[in-house]
Structure formats: C-alpha cells, structure tokens
Amino acid sequence: MIYPVPNSLRCHRLTAKLLDRFAEENPSCAFSPASSQRLYMSIYKIWERQGEAAAEKFVREARLV
C-alpha cells in the first residue's frame, strides 16, 4: 500500500509529544538536538512506510530503555 507523503508539521508535533512524555517520565533525561532529530526521522520513516496510524501508535507505545 502506498501512503501519502508524511506531514512534516504533524511529525514535529508527534516528536514533541514523545519528548514531553519522556521528560515527564524521567526528568533527568535530556535529549540533544541530534537525538531529537533521529526521533523525528524515525517517526517520519514509520509514517512514510506504514502510515499515520502506525506513527501515532509508535509515539503512544514508545518507552525509554
């Protein structure tokens, strides 16, 4: 199945939502700009390959390891 091109603004919002949740769960955790960009690209690639619902599911279910 071919999915539409990911909405970059929506990907940024999903990334911010994930980073905020991680910060709440572990206040001592800080993300560098490079790691934030990698998270954004992961979300973008998931959206690109599997669709928006899969990207949202990733953000909901992601855990810090």
Protein backbone atom coordinates (compact mmCIF):
# COMPACT_ATOMS: atom_id res chain seq x y z
CA MET A 1 0.00 0.00 0.00
CA ILE A 2 1.23 3.50 -0.80
CA TYR A 3 0.80 6.10 1.93
CA PRO A 4 0.69 9.86 1.38
CA VAL A 5 3.83 11.88 1.99
CA PRO A 6 4.18 12.45 5.75
CA ASN A 7 3.07 15.83 7.05
CA SER A 8 6.29 17.30 8.47
CA LEU A 9 4.45 19.63 10.88
CA ARG A 10 2.48 16.68 12.25
CA CYS A 11 5.71 14.66 12.58
CA HIS A 12 7.26 17.54 14.55
CA ARG A 13 4.22 17.63 16.84
CA LEU A 14 4.39 13.87 17.40
CA THR A 15 8.11 14.18 18.18
CA ALA A 16 7.45 17.00 20.66
CA LYS A 17 4.70 14.94 22.28
CA LEU A 18 7.05 11.99 22.67
CA LEU A 19 9.88 14.13 24.07
CA ASP A 20 7.48 15.76 26.55
CA ARG A 21 6.26 12.37 27.73
CA PHE A 22 9.83 11.10 28.13
CA ALA A 23 10.71 14.25 30.12
CA GLU A 24 7.72 13.65 32.42
CA GLU A 25 8.66 10.01 32.97
CA ASN A 26 12.32 10.80 33.62
CA PRO A 27 13.04 14.47 34.45
CA SER A 28 16.80 13.90 34.50
CA CYS A 29 16.75 12.78 30.86
CA ALA A 30 17.83 15.38 28.32
CA PHE A 31 17.81 14.96 24.56
CA SER A 32 20.43 16.53 22.35
CA PRO A 33 19.34 18.17 19.10
CA ALA A 34 20.86 15.21 17.23
CA SER A 35 18.88 12.62 19.20
CA SER A 36 15.70 14.67 18.80
CA GLN A 37 16.31 14.78 15.05
CA ARG A 38 16.80 11.00 14.99
CA LEU A 39 13.49 10.54 16.80
CA TYR A 40 11.82 12.85 14.28
CA MET A 41 13.29 10.88 11.38
CA SER A 42 12.15 7.60 12.95
CA ILE A 43 8.60 8.90 13.23
CA TYR A 44 8.77 10.30 9.68
CA LYS A 45 10.01 6.95 8.29
CA ILE A 46 7.33 4.98 10.15
CA TRP A 47 4.68 7.33 8.73
CA GLU A 48 6.19 7.05 5.26
CA ARG A 49 6.29 3.23 5.29
CA GLN A 50 3.29 2.29 7.44
CA GLY A 51 1.03 5.33 7.61
CA GLU A 52 -0.04 7.93 10.14
CA ALA A 53 -1.77 5.47 12.47
CA ALA A 54 1.46 3.47 12.88
CA ALA A 55 3.43 6.65 13.65
CA GLU A 56 0.89 7.67 16.28
CA LYS A 57 0.98 4.16 17.76
CA PHE A 58 4.79 4.36 17.95
CA VAL A 59 4.56 7.64 19.88
CA ARG A 60 1.94 6.18 22.25
CA GLU A 61 3.83 2.97 22.95
CA ALA A 62 7.49 4.06 22.84
CA ARG A 63 9.50 3.52 26.01
CA LEU A 64 12.89 4.75 27.15
CA VAL A 65 15.37 1.92 27.50
